[in-house]
């Protein structure tokens, strides 16, 4: 959510920024079908039902133990996230597409 928020600010209120570092984000994240599937899973069974799947998706099993511990902490946090709040974030990410704005923006990071 932070990366998408930062990108929105860069596109709509660049005067409010001195610098911006965008990491692990994009102008369009995922597909509508993927977000809708996640939303439906959370509606049916809550965030706990998808939390375990994120554990392996975020950190490769060969990474050092501290990173794996961070991944488990993330999945525990997700499991305890308010269902409706999580769904609202998924809907926002599903519906956000800044690709055309980024392509036509005078802002060029490289």
PDB file of N, CA and C in Angstrom:
ATOM      1  N   UNK A   1       0.829  -1.194   0.000  1.00  0.00           N
ATOM      2  CA  UNK A   1       0.000   0.000   0.000  1.00  0.00           C
ATOM      3  C   UNK A   1       0.871   1.256   0.000  1.00  0.00           C
ATOM      4  N   UNK A   2       2.008   1.199   0.693  1.00  0.00           N
ATOM      5  CA  UNK A   2       2.866   2.371   0.783  1.00  0.00           C
ATOM      6  C   UNK A   2       3.437   2.785  -0.555  1.00  0.00           C
ATOM      7  N   UNK A   3       3.842   1.800  -1.355  1.00  0.00           N
ATOM      8  CA  UNK A   3       4.402   2.117  -2.665  1.00  0.00           C
ATOM      9  C   UNK A   3       3.376   2.739  -3.591  1.00  0.00           C
ATOM     10  N   UNK A   4       2.170   2.209  -3.583  1.00  0.00           N
ATOM     11  CA  UNK A   4       1.103   2.752  -4.425  1.00  0.00           C
ATOM     12  C   UNK A   4       0.735   4.159  -3.964  1.00  0.00           C
ATOM     13  N   UNK A   5       0.722   4.369  -2.657  1.00  0.00           N
ATOM     14  CA  UNK A   5       0.433   5.704  -2.122  1.00  0.00           C
ATOM     15  C   UNK A   5       1.520   6.689  -2.537  1.00  0.00           C
ATOM     16  N   UNK A   6       2.785   6.273  -2.410  1.00  0.00           N
ATOM     17  CA  UNK A   6       3.893   7.131  -2.830  1.00  0.00           C
ATOM     18  C   UNK A   6       3.838   7.463  -4.307  1.00  0.00           C
ATOM     19  N   UNK A   7       3.488   6.481  -5.117  1.00  0.00           N
ATOM     20  CA  UNK A   7       3.379   6.712  -6.556  1.00  0.00           C
ATOM     21  C   UNK A   7       2.255   7.702  -6.856  1.00  0.00           C
ATOM     22  N   UNK A   8       1.121   7.582  -6.155  1.00  0.00           N
ATOM     23  CA  UNK A   8       0.030   8.529  -6.349  1.00  0.00           C
ATOM     24  C   UNK A   8       0.496   9.956  -6.027  1.00  0.00           C
ATOM     25  N   UNK A   9       1.200  10.120  -4.928  1.00  0.00           N
ATOM     26  CA  UNK A   9       1.700  11.444  -4.560  1.00  0.00           C
ATOM     27  C   UNK A   9       2.645  11.972  -5.626  1.00  0.00           C
ATOM     28  N   UNK A  10       3.547  11.129  -6.118  1.00  0.00           N
ATOM     29  CA  UNK A  10       4.490  11.554  -7.159  1.00  0.00           C
ATOM     30  C   UNK A  10       3.763  12.020  -8.415  1.00  0.00           C
ATOM     31  N   UNK A  11       2.664  11.374  -8.753  1.00  0.00           N
ATOM     32  CA  UNK A  11       1.920  11.716  -9.963  1.00  0.00           C
ATOM     33  C   UNK A  11       0.985  12.906  -9.786  1.00  0.00           C
ATOM     34  N   UNK A  12       0.408  13.066  -8.588  1.00  0.00           N
ATOM     35  CA  UNK A  12      -0.628  14.069  -8.378  1.00  0.00           C
ATOM     36  C   UNK A  12      -0.212  15.267  -7.528  1.00  0.00           C
ATOM     37  N   UNK A  13       0.841  15.114  -6.753  1.00  0.00           N
ATOM     38  CA  UNK A  13       1.286  16.224  -5.893  1.00  0.00           C
ATOM     39  C   UNK A  13       2.804  16.177  -5.731  1.00  0.00           C
ATOM     40  N   UNK A  14       3.544  16.182  -6.842  1.00  0.00           N
ATOM     41  CA  UNK A  14       5.002  16.021  -6.750  1.00  0.00           C
ATOM     42  C   UNK A  14       5.687  17.126  -5.944  1.00  0.00           C
ATOM     43  N   UNK A  15       5.043  18.278  -5.840  1.00  0.00           N
ATOM     44  CA  UNK A  15       5.624  19.368  -5.061  1.00  0.00           C
ATOM     45  C   UNK A  15       5.713  19.028  -3.570  1.00  0.00           C
ATOM     46  N   UNK A  16       5.010  18.005  -3.152  1.00  0.00           N
ATOM     47  CA  UNK A  16       5.037  17.593  -1.743  1.00  0.00           C
ATOM     48  C   UNK A  16       6.200  16.667  -1.430  1.00  0.00           C
ATOM     49  N   UNK A  17       6.957  16.304  -2.447  1.00  0.00           N
ATOM     50  CA  UNK A  17       8.068  15.370  -2.267  1.00  0.00           C
ATOM     51  C   UNK A  17       9.400  16.041  -2.521  1.00  0.00           C
ATOM     52  N   UNK A  18      10.382  15.674  -1.734  1.00  0.00           N
ATOM     53  CA  UNK A  18      11.757  16.042  -2.049  1.00  0.00           C
ATOM     54  C   UNK A  18      12.425  14.879  -2.764  1.00  0.00           C
ATOM     55  N   UNK A  19      12.182  13.678  -2.254  1.00  0.00           N
ATOM     56  CA  UNK A  19      12.713  12.452  -2.854  1.00  0.00           C
ATOM     57  C   UNK A  19      11.693  11.347  -2.616  1.00  0.00           C
ATOM     58  N   UNK A  20      11.777  10.338  -3.451  1.00  0.00           N
ATOM     59  CA  UNK A  20      10.884   9.196  -3.297  1.00  0.00           C
ATOM     60  C   UNK A  20      11.616   7.948  -3.736  1.00  0.00           C
ATOM     61  N   UNK A  21      11.608   6.945  -2.901  1.00  0.00           N
ATOM     62  CA  UNK A  21      12.174   5.646  -3.244  1.00  0.00           C
ATOM     63  C   UNK A  21      11.011   4.661  -3.272  1.00  0.00           C
ATOM     64  N   UNK A  22      10.799   4.056  -4.409  1.00  0.00           N
ATOM     65  CA  UNK A  22       9.745   3.059  -4.560  1.00  0.00           C
ATOM     66  C   UNK A  22      10.389   1.688  -4.636  1.00  0.00           C
ATOM     67  N   UNK A  23       9.930   0.786  -3.793  1.00  0.00           N
ATOM     68  CA  UNK A  23      10.525  -0.543  -3.715  1.00  0.00           C
ATOM     69  C   UNK A  23       9.418  -1.590  -3.582  1.00  0.00           C
ATOM     70  N   UNK A  24       9.554  -2.660  -4.301  1.00  0.00           N
ATOM     71  CA  UNK A  24       8.585  -3.761  -4.238  1.00  0.00           C
ATOM     72  C   UNK A  24       7.163  -3.268  -4.473  1.00  0.00           C
ATOM     73  N   UNK A  25       6.984  -2.513  -5.532  1.00  0.00           N
ATOM     74  CA  UNK A  25       5.676  -1.970  -5.878  1.00  0.00           C
ATOM     75  C   UNK A  25       5.569  -1.896  -7.389  1.00  0.00           C
ATOM     76  N   UNK A  26       4.510  -1.327  -7.883  1.00  0.00           N
ATOM     77  CA  UNK A  26       4.358  -1.172  -9.317  1.00  0.00           C
ATOM     78  C   UNK A  26       3.203  -0.245  -9.640  1.00  0.00           C
ATOM     79  N   UNK A  27       3.153   0.175 -10.884  1.00  0.00           N
ATOM     80  CA  UNK A  27       2.067   1.026 -11.347  1.00  0.00           C
ATOM     81  C   UNK A  27       0.764   0.222 -11.452  1.00  0.00           C
ATOM     82  N   UNK A  28       0.890  -1.089 -11.590  1.00  0.00           N
ATOM     83  CA  UNK A  28      -0.244  -2.021 -11.593  1.00  0.00           C
ATOM     84  C   UNK A  28       0.254  -3.284 -10.914  1.00  0.00           C
ATOM     85  N   UNK A  29      -0.425  -3.702  -9.876  1.00  0.00           N
ATOM     86  CA  UNK A  29       0.017  -4.864  -9.116  1.00  0.00           C
ATOM     87  C   UNK A  29      -0.990  -5.993  -9.291  1.00  0.00           C
ATOM     88  N   UNK A  30      -0.553  -7.087  -9.847  1.00  0.00           N
ATOM     89  CA  UNK A  30      -1.408  -8.258 -10.000  1.00  0.00           C
ATOM     90  C   UNK A  30      -2.495  -8.075 -11.035  1.00  0.00           C
ATOM     91  N   UNK A  31      -3.394  -9.033 -11.052  1.00  0.00           N
ATOM     92  CA  UNK A  31      -4.522  -9.001 -11.982  1.00  0.00           C
ATOM     93  C   UNK A  31      -5.819  -8.917 -11.197  1.00  0.00           C
ATOM     94  N   UNK A  32      -6.854  -8.455 -11.857  1.00  0.00           N
ATOM     95  CA  UNK A  32      -8.165  -8.374 -11.206  1.00  0.00           C
ATOM     96  C   UNK A  32      -8.611  -9.756 -10.731  1.00  0.00           C
ATOM     97  N   UNK A  33      -8.385 -10.782 -11.548  1.00  0.00           N
ATOM     98  CA  UNK A  33      -8.788 -12.136 -11.152  1.00  0.00           C
ATOM     99  C   UNK A  33      -8.073 -12.591  -9.889  1.00  0.00           C
ATOM    100  N   UNK A  34      -6.774 -12.344  -9.799  1.00  0.00           N
ATOM    101  CA  UNK A  34      -6.015 -12.753  -8.610  1.00  0.00           C
ATOM    102  C   UNK A  34      -6.523 -12.031  -7.363  1.00  0.00           C
ATOM    103  N   UNK A  35      -6.769 -10.708  -7.479  1.00  0.00           N
ATOM    104  CA  UNK A  35      -7.285  -9.960  -6.332  1.00  0.00           C
ATOM    105  C   UNK A  35      -8.683 -10.436  -5.964  1.00  0.00           C
ATOM    106  N   UNK A  36      -9.522 -10.667  -6.960  1.00  0.00           N
ATOM    107  CA  UNK A  36     -10.884 -11.132  -6.678  1.00  0.00           C
ATOM    108  C   UNK A  36     -10.873 -12.492  -5.989  1.00  0.00           C
ATOM    109  N   UNK A  37      -9.965 -13.383  -6.405  1.00  0.00           N
ATOM    110  CA  UNK A  37      -9.852 -14.687  -5.755  1.00  0.00           C
ATOM    111  C   UNK A  37      -9.434 -14.533  -4.295  1.00  0.00           C
ATOM    112  N   UNK A  38      -8.482 -13.630  -4.045  1.00  0.00           N
ATOM    113  CA  UNK A  38      -8.030 -13.397  -2.676  1.00  0.00           C
ATOM    114  C   UNK A  38      -9.152 -12.790  -1.832  1.00  0.00           C
ATOM    115  N   UNK A  39      -9.860 -11.825  -2.410  1.00  0.00           N
ATOM    116  CA  UNK A  39     -10.982 -11.196  -1.707  1.00  0.00           C
ATOM    117  C   UNK A  39     -12.038 -12.231  -1.345  1.00  0.00           C
ATOM    118  N   UNK A  40     -12.375 -13.080  -2.291  1.00  0.00           N
ATOM    119  CA  UNK A  40     -13.392 -14.102  -2.044  1.00  0.00           C
ATOM    120  C   UNK A  40     -12.932 -15.087  -0.970  1.00  0.00           C
ATOM    121  N   UNK A  41     -11.666 -15.468  -0.982  1.00  0.00           N
ATOM    122  CA  UNK A  41     -11.137 -16.380   0.041  1.00  0.00           C
ATOM    123  C   UNK A  41     -11.246 -15.755   1.429  1.00  0.00           C
ATOM    124  N   UNK A  42     -10.937 -14.480   1.529  1.00  0.00           N
ATOM    125  CA  UNK A  42     -11.022 -13.802   2.823  1.00  0.00           C
ATOM    126  C   UNK A  42     -12.483 -13.631   3.241  1.00  0.00           C
ATOM    127  N   UNK A  43     -13.353 -13.349   2.304  1.00  0.00           N
ATOM    128  CA  UNK A  43     -14.780 -13.241   2.648  1.00  0.00           C
ATOM    129  C   UNK A  43     -15.318 -14.569   3.183  1.00  0.00           C
ATOM    130  N   UNK A  44     -14.895 -15.661   2.564  1.00  0.00           N
ATOM    131  CA  UNK A  44     -15.384 -16.981   2.973  1.00  0.00           C
ATOM    132  C   UNK A  44     -14.765 -17.447   4.286  1.00  0.00           C
ATOM    133  N   UNK A  45     -13.433 -17.272   4.421  1.00  0.00           N
ATOM    134  CA  UNK A  45     -12.728 -17.926   5.523  1.00  0.00           C
ATOM    135  C   UNK A  45     -11.818 -17.028   6.347  1.00  0.00           C
ATOM    136  N   UNK A  46     -11.800 -15.735   6.072  1.00  0.00           N
ATOM    137  CA  UNK A  46     -10.993 -14.814   6.852  1.00  0.00           C
ATOM    138  C   UNK A  46      -9.527 -14.776   6.432  1.00  0.00           C
ATOM    139  N   UNK A  47      -8.810 -13.824   6.987  1.00  0.00           N
ATOM    140  CA  UNK A  47      -7.397 -13.654   6.628  1.00  0.00           C
ATOM    141  C   UNK A  47      -6.550 -14.837   7.075  1.00  0.00           C
ATOM    142  N   UNK A  48      -6.966 -15.523   8.120  1.00  0.00           N
ATOM    143  CA  UNK A  48      -6.208 -16.703   8.571  1.00  0.00           C
ATOM    144  C   UNK A  48      -6.084 -17.730   7.456  1.00  0.00           C
ATOM    145  N   UNK A  49      -7.102 -17.795   6.601  1.00  0.00           N
ATOM    146  CA  UNK A  49      -7.106 -18.807   5.537  1.00  0.00           C
ATOM    147  C   UNK A  49      -6.052 -18.560   4.466  1.00  0.00           C
ATOM    148  N   UNK A  50      -5.585 -17.336   4.324  1.00  0.00           N
ATOM    149  CA  UNK A  50      -4.571 -17.057   3.305  1.00  0.00           C
ATOM    150  C   UNK A  50      -3.201 -16.781   3.910  1.00  0.00           C
ATOM    151  N   UNK A  51      -3.128 -16.643   5.221  1.00  0.00           N
ATOM    152  CA  UNK A  51      -1.877 -16.260   5.878  1.00  0.00           C
ATOM    153  C   UNK A  51      -0.772 -17.285   5.672  1.00  0.00           C
ATOM    154  N   UNK A  52      -1.077 -18.549   5.808  1.00  0.00           N
ATOM    155  CA  UNK A  52      -0.043 -19.579   5.677  1.00  0.00           C
ATOM    156  C   UNK A  52       0.563 -19.586   4.280  1.00  0.00           C
ATOM    157  N   UNK A  53      -0.236 -19.294   3.277  1.00  0.00           N
ATOM    158  CA  UNK A  53       0.264 -19.280   1.904  1.00  0.00           C
ATOM    159  C   UNK A  53       1.293 -18.176   1.685  1.00  0.00           C
ATOM    160  N   UNK A  54       1.195 -17.096   2.419  1.00  0.00           N
ATOM    161  CA  UNK A  54       2.143 -15.992   2.238  1.00  0.00           C
ATOM    162  C   UNK A  54       3.502 -16.319   2.828  1.00  0.00           C
ATOM    163  N   UNK A  55       3.568 -17.225   3.786  1.00  0.00           N
ATOM    164  CA  UNK A  55       4.826 -17.551   4.449  1.00  0.00           C
ATOM    165  C   UNK A  55       5.869 -18.004   3.435  1.00  0.00           C
ATOM    166  N   UNK A  56       5.535 -18.956   2.603  1.00  0.00           N
ATOM    167  CA  UNK A  56       6.485 -19.439   1.614  1.00  0.00           C
ATOM    168  C   UNK A  56       6.631 -18.522   0.416  1.00  0.00           C
ATOM    169  N   UNK A  57       5.609 -17.737   0.131  1.00  0.00           N
ATOM    170  CA  UNK A  57       5.656 -16.867  -1.044  1.00  0.00           C
ATOM    171  C   UNK A  57       6.615 -15.708  -0.850  1.00  0.00           C
ATOM    172  N   UNK A  58       6.792 -15.261   0.378  1.00  0.00           N
ATOM    173  CA  UNK A  58       7.614 -14.081   0.637  1.00  0.00           C
ATOM    174  C   UNK A  58       9.095 -14.386   0.778  1.00  0.00           C
ATOM    175  N   UNK A  59       9.422 -15.542   1.314  1.00  0.00           N
ATOM    176  CA  UNK A  59      10.822 -15.844   1.607  1.00  0.00           C
ATOM    177  C   UNK A  59      11.159 -17.250   1.127  1.00  0.00           C
ATOM    178  N   UNK A  60      12.177 -17.350   0.325  1.00  0.00           N
ATOM    179  CA  UNK A  60      12.620 -18.644  -0.175  1.00  0.00           C
ATOM    180  C   UNK A  60      13.189 -19.466   0.970  1.00  0.00           C
ATOM    181  N   UNK A  61      12.975 -20.774   0.943  1.00  0.00           N
ATOM    182  CA  UNK A  61      13.402 -21.643   2.044  1.00  0.00           C
ATOM    183  C   UNK A  61      14.915 -21.678   2.246  1.00  0.00           C
ATOM    184  N   UNK A  62      15.690 -21.266   1.257  1.00  0.00           N
ATOM    185  CA  UNK A  62      17.148 -21.285   1.392  1.00  0.00           C
ATOM    186  C   UNK A  62      17.726 -20.013   2.009  1.00  0.00           C
ATOM    187  N   UNK A  63      16.892 -19.025   2.259  1.00  0.00           N
ATOM    188  CA  UNK A  63      17.387 -17.798   2.866  1.00  0.00           C
ATOM    189  C   UNK A  63      17.703 -18.028   4.335  1.00  0.00           C
ATOM    190  N   UNK A  64      18.587 -17.210   4.887  1.00  0.00           N
ATOM    191  CA  UNK A  64      18.955 -17.380   6.298  1.00  0.00           C
ATOM    192  C   UNK A  64      17.756 -17.315   7.229  1.00  0.00           C
ATOM    193  N   UNK A  65      17.864 -17.961   8.354  1.00  0.00           N
ATOM    194  CA  UNK A  65      16.772 -18.077   9.316  1.00  0.00           C
ATOM    195  C   UNK A  65      16.130 -16.744   9.710  1.00  0.00           C
ATOM    196  N   UNK A  66      16.878 -15.665   9.958  1.00  0.00           N
ATOM    197  CA  UNK A  66      16.188 -14.421  10.341  1.00  0.00           C
ATOM    198  C   UNK A  66      15.164 -13.965   9.313  1.00  0.00           C
ATOM    199  N   UNK A  67      15.454 -14.177   8.037  1.00  0.00           N
ATOM    200  CA  UNK A  67      14.471 -13.785   7.016  1.00  0.00           C
ATOM    201  C   UNK A  67      13.249 -14.689   7.064  1.00  0.00           C
ATOM    202  N   UNK A  68      13.462 -15.963   7.302  1.00  0.00           N
ATOM    203  CA  UNK A  68      12.329 -16.878   7.421  1.00  0.00           C
ATOM    204  C   UNK A  68      11.485 -16.510   8.633  1.00  0.00           C
ATOM    205  N   UNK A  69      12.128 -16.111   9.714  1.00  0.00           N
ATOM    206  CA  UNK A  69      11.398 -15.677  10.910  1.00  0.00           C
ATOM    207  C   UNK A  69      10.560 -14.449  10.602  1.00  0.00           C
ATOM    208  N   UNK A  70      11.110 -13.513   9.829  1.00  0.00           N
ATOM    209  CA  UNK A  70      10.346 -12.328   9.439  1.00  0.00           C
ATOM    210  C   UNK A  70       9.135 -12.715   8.611  1.00  0.00           C
ATOM    211  N   UNK A  71       9.283 -13.710   7.755  1.00  0.00           N
ATOM    212  CA  UNK A  71       8.161 -14.157   6.940  1.00  0.00           C
ATOM    213  C   UNK A  71       7.056 -14.738   7.816  1.00  0.00           C
ATOM    214  N   UNK A  72       7.431 -15.530   8.805  1.00  0.00           N
ATOM    215  CA  UNK A  72       6.425 -16.081   9.718  1.00  0.00           C
ATOM    216  C   UNK A  72       5.733 -14.960  10.497  1.00  0.00           C
ATOM    217  N   UNK A  73       6.507 -13.958  10.897  1.00  0.00           N
ATOM    218  CA  UNK A  73       5.913 -12.824  11.608  1.00  0.00           C
ATOM    219  C   UNK A  73       4.902 -12.118  10.707  1.00  0.00           C
ATOM    220  N   UNK A  74       5.244 -11.988   9.412  1.00  0.00           N
ATOM    221  CA  UNK A  74       4.313 -11.359   8.464  1.00  0.00           C
ATOM    222  C   UNK A  74       3.038 -12.179   8.346  1.00  0.00           C
ATOM    223  N   UNK A  75       3.169 -13.488   8.206  1.00  0.00           N
ATOM    224  CA  UNK A  75       1.963 -14.308   8.052  1.00  0.00           C
ATOM    225  C   UNK A  75       1.124 -14.274   9.331  1.00  0.00           C
ATOM    226  N   UNK A  76       1.762 -14.189  10.504  1.00  0.00           N
ATOM    227  CA  UNK A  76       1.006 -14.059  11.754  1.00  0.00           C
ATOM    228  C   UNK A  76       0.256 -12.731  11.806  1.00  0.00           C
ATOM    229  N   UNK A  77       0.915 -11.663  11.343  1.00  0.00           N
ATOM    230  CA  UNK A  77       0.254 -10.357  11.312  1.00  0.00           C
ATOM    231  C   UNK A  77      -0.948 -10.402  10.376  1.00  0.00           C
ATOM    232  N   UNK A  78      -0.767 -10.987   9.206  1.00  0.00           N
ATOM    233  CA  UNK A  78      -1.874 -11.089   8.248  1.00  0.00           C
ATOM    234  C   UNK A  78      -3.024 -11.903   8.834  1.00  0.00           C
ATOM    235  N   UNK A  79      -2.707 -12.981   9.519  1.00  0.00           N
ATOM    236  CA  UNK A  79      -3.756 -13.833  10.103  1.00  0.00           C
ATOM    237  C   UNK A  79      -4.616 -13.067  11.097  1.00  0.00           C
ATOM    238  N   UNK A  80      -4.047 -12.037  11.711  1.00  0.00           N
ATOM    239  CA  UNK A  80      -4.771 -11.258  12.713  1.00  0.00           C
ATOM    240  C   UNK A  80      -5.270  -9.912  12.194  1.00  0.00           C
ATOM    241  N   UNK A  81      -5.212  -9.724  10.884  1.00  0.00           N
ATOM    242  CA  UNK A  81      -5.682  -8.485  10.271  1.00  0.00           C
ATOM    243  C   UNK A  81      -7.201  -8.518  10.124  1.00  0.00           C
ATOM    244  N   UNK A  82      -7.833  -7.388  10.338  1.00  0.00           N
ATOM    245  CA  UNK A  82      -9.273  -7.257  10.174  1.00  0.00           C
ATOM    246  C   UNK A  82      -9.659  -7.635   8.744  1.00  0.00           C
ATOM    247  N   UNK A  83     -10.606  -8.541   8.615  1.00  0.00           N
ATOM    248  CA  UNK A  83     -11.009  -9.039   7.293  1.00  0.00           C
ATOM    249  C   UNK A  83     -11.482  -7.928   6.363  1.00  0.00           C
ATOM    250  N   UNK A  84     -12.368  -7.072   6.849  1.00  0.00           N
ATOM    251  CA  UNK A  84     -12.927  -6.022   5.995  1.00  0.00           C
ATOM    252  C   UNK A  84     -11.861  -5.003   5.595  1.00  0.00           C
ATOM    253  N   UNK A  85     -10.964  -4.684   6.505  1.00  0.00           N
ATOM    254  CA  UNK A  85      -9.873  -3.767   6.175  1.00  0.00           C
ATOM    255  C   UNK A  85      -8.959  -4.351   5.120  1.00  0.00           C
ATOM    256  N   UNK A  86      -8.652  -5.646   5.245  1.00  0.00           N
ATOM    257  CA  UNK A  86      -7.803  -6.310   4.268  1.00  0.00           C
ATOM    258  C   UNK A  86      -8.485  -6.365   2.905  1.00  0.00           C
ATOM    259  N   UNK A  87      -9.764  -6.675   2.903  1.00  0.00           N
ATOM    260  CA  UNK A  87     -10.521  -6.716   1.640  1.00  0.00           C
ATOM    261  C   UNK A  87     -10.508  -5.344   0.974  1.00  0.00           C
ATOM    262  N   UNK A  88     -10.696  -4.287   1.745  1.00  0.00           N
ATOM    263  CA  UNK A  88     -10.684  -2.928   1.182  1.00  0.00           C
ATOM    264  C   UNK A  88      -9.328  -2.617   0.552  1.00  0.00           C
ATOM    265  N   UNK A  89      -8.244  -3.045   1.190  1.00  0.00           N
ATOM    266  CA  UNK A  89      -6.910  -2.830   0.605  1.00  0.00           C
ATOM    267  C   UNK A  89      -6.760  -3.623  -0.696  1.00  0.00           C
ATOM    268  N   UNK A  90      -7.237  -4.852  -0.703  1.00  0.00           N
ATOM    269  CA  UNK A  90      -7.182  -5.664  -1.923  1.00  0.00           C
ATOM    270  C   UNK A  90      -7.979  -5.016  -3.056  1.00  0.00           C
ATOM    271  N   UNK A  91      -9.148  -4.487  -2.733  1.00  0.00           N
ATOM    272  CA  UNK A  91      -9.964  -3.816  -3.746  1.00  0.00           C
ATOM    273  C   UNK A  91      -9.248  -2.583  -4.284  1.00  0.00           C
ATOM    274  N   UNK A  92      -8.606  -1.839  -3.400  1.00  0.00           N
ATOM    275  CA  UNK A  92      -7.872  -0.650  -3.843  1.00  0.00           C
ATOM    276  C   UNK A  92      -6.722  -1.042  -4.767  1.00  0.00           C
ATOM    277  N   UNK A  93      -5.982  -2.066  -4.404  1.00  0.00           N
ATOM    278  CA  UNK A  93      -4.872  -2.503  -5.263  1.00  0.00           C
ATOM    279  C   UNK A  93      -5.386  -3.080  -6.581  1.00  0.00           C
ATOM    280  N   UNK A  94      -6.472  -3.812  -6.527  1.00  0.00           N
ATOM    281  CA  UNK A  94      -7.071  -4.371  -7.743  1.00  0.00           C
ATOM    282  C   UNK A  94      -7.460  -3.271  -8.730  1.00  0.00           C
ATOM    283  N   UNK A  95      -7.998  -2.173  -8.199  1.00  0.00           N
ATOM    284  CA  UNK A  95      -8.540  -1.113  -9.040  1.00  0.00           C
ATOM    285  C   UNK A  95      -7.524  -0.031  -9.414  1.00  0.00           C
ATOM    286  N   UNK A  96      -6.343  -0.100  -8.856  1.00  0.00           N
ATOM    287  CA  UNK A  96      -5.322   0.911  -9.133  1.00  0.00           C
ATOM    288  C   UNK A  96      -4.507   0.520 -10.356  1.00  0.00           C
ATOM    289  N   UNK A  97      -4.424   1.434 -11.294  1.00  0.00           N
ATOM    290  CA  UNK A  97      -3.608   1.222 -12.497  1.00  0.00           C
ATOM    291  C   UNK A  97      -3.052   2.572 -12.945  1.00  0.00           C
ATOM    292  N   UNK A  98      -1.793   2.812 -12.612  1.00  0.00           N
ATOM    293  CA  UNK A  98      -1.140   4.072 -12.952  1.00  0.00           C
ATOM    294  C   UNK A  98      -0.218   3.937 -14.169  1.00  0.00           C
ATOM    295  N   UNK A  99      -0.305   2.846 -14.896  1.00  0.00           N
ATOM    296  CA  UNK A  99       0.640   2.619 -16.006  1.00  0.00           C
ATOM    297  C   UNK A  99       0.613   3.743 -17.033  1.00  0.00           C
ATOM    298  N   UNK A 100      -0.559   4.164 -17.468  1.00  0.00           N
ATOM    299  CA  UNK A 100      -0.626   5.240 -18.467  1.00  0.00           C
ATOM    300  C   UNK A 100      -0.087   6.545 -17.911  1.00  0.00           C
ATOM    301  N   UNK A 101      -0.417   6.850 -16.651  1.00  0.00           N
ATOM    302  CA  UNK A 101       0.066   8.086 -16.038  1.00  0.00           C
ATOM    303  C   UNK A 101       1.584   8.071 -15.887  1.00  0.00           C
ATOM    304  N   UNK A 102       2.136   6.942 -15.490  1.00  0.00           N
ATOM    305  CA  UNK A 102       3.590   6.838 -15.344  1.00  0.00           C
ATOM    306  C   UNK A 102       4.257   6.989 -16.710  1.00  0.00           C
ATOM    307  N   UNK A 103       3.691   6.353 -17.723  1.00  0.00           N
ATOM    308  CA  UNK A 103       4.279   6.410 -19.066  1.00  0.00           C
ATOM    309  C   UNK A 103       4.283   7.836 -19.614  1.00  0.00           C
ATOM    310  N   UNK A 104       3.285   8.626 -19.290  1.00  0.00           N
ATOM    311  CA  UNK A 104       3.210   9.995 -19.827  1.00  0.00           C
ATOM    312  C   UNK A 104       3.742  11.042 -18.849  1.00  0.00           C
ATOM    313  N   UNK A 105       4.212  10.617 -17.702  1.00  0.00           N
ATOM    314  CA  UNK A 105       4.705  11.551 -16.695  1.00  0.00           C
ATOM    315  C   UNK A 105       6.086  12.095 -17.055  1.00  0.00           C
ATOM    316  N   UNK A 106       6.345  13.366 -16.748  1.00  0.00           N
ATOM    317  CA  UNK A 106       7.683  13.902 -16.963  1.00  0.00           C
ATOM    318  C   UNK A 106       8.697  13.336 -15.953  1.00  0.00           C
ATOM    319  N   UNK A 107       8.177  12.732 -14.876  1.00  0.00           N
ATOM    320  CA  UNK A 107       9.034  12.130 -13.858  1.00  0.00           C
ATOM    321  C   UNK A 107       9.678  10.872 -14.415  1.00  0.00           C
ATOM    322  N   UNK A 108      10.969  10.856 -14.506  1.00  0.00           N
ATOM    323  CA  UNK A 108      11.707   9.683 -14.971  1.00  0.00           C
ATOM    324  C   UNK A 108      12.785   9.359 -13.954  1.00  0.00           C
ATOM    325  N   UNK A 109      12.641   8.256 -13.245  1.00  0.00           N
ATOM    326  CA  UNK A 109      13.581   7.948 -12.167  1.00  0.00           C
ATOM    327  C   UNK A 109      14.976   7.521 -12.631  1.00  0.00           C
ATOM    328  N   UNK A 110      15.128   7.196 -13.895  1.00  0.00           N
ATOM    329  CA  UNK A 110      16.457   6.771 -14.344  1.00  0.00           C
ATOM    330  C   UNK A 110      16.951   7.552 -15.521  1.00  0.00           C
TER     331      UNK A 110
END
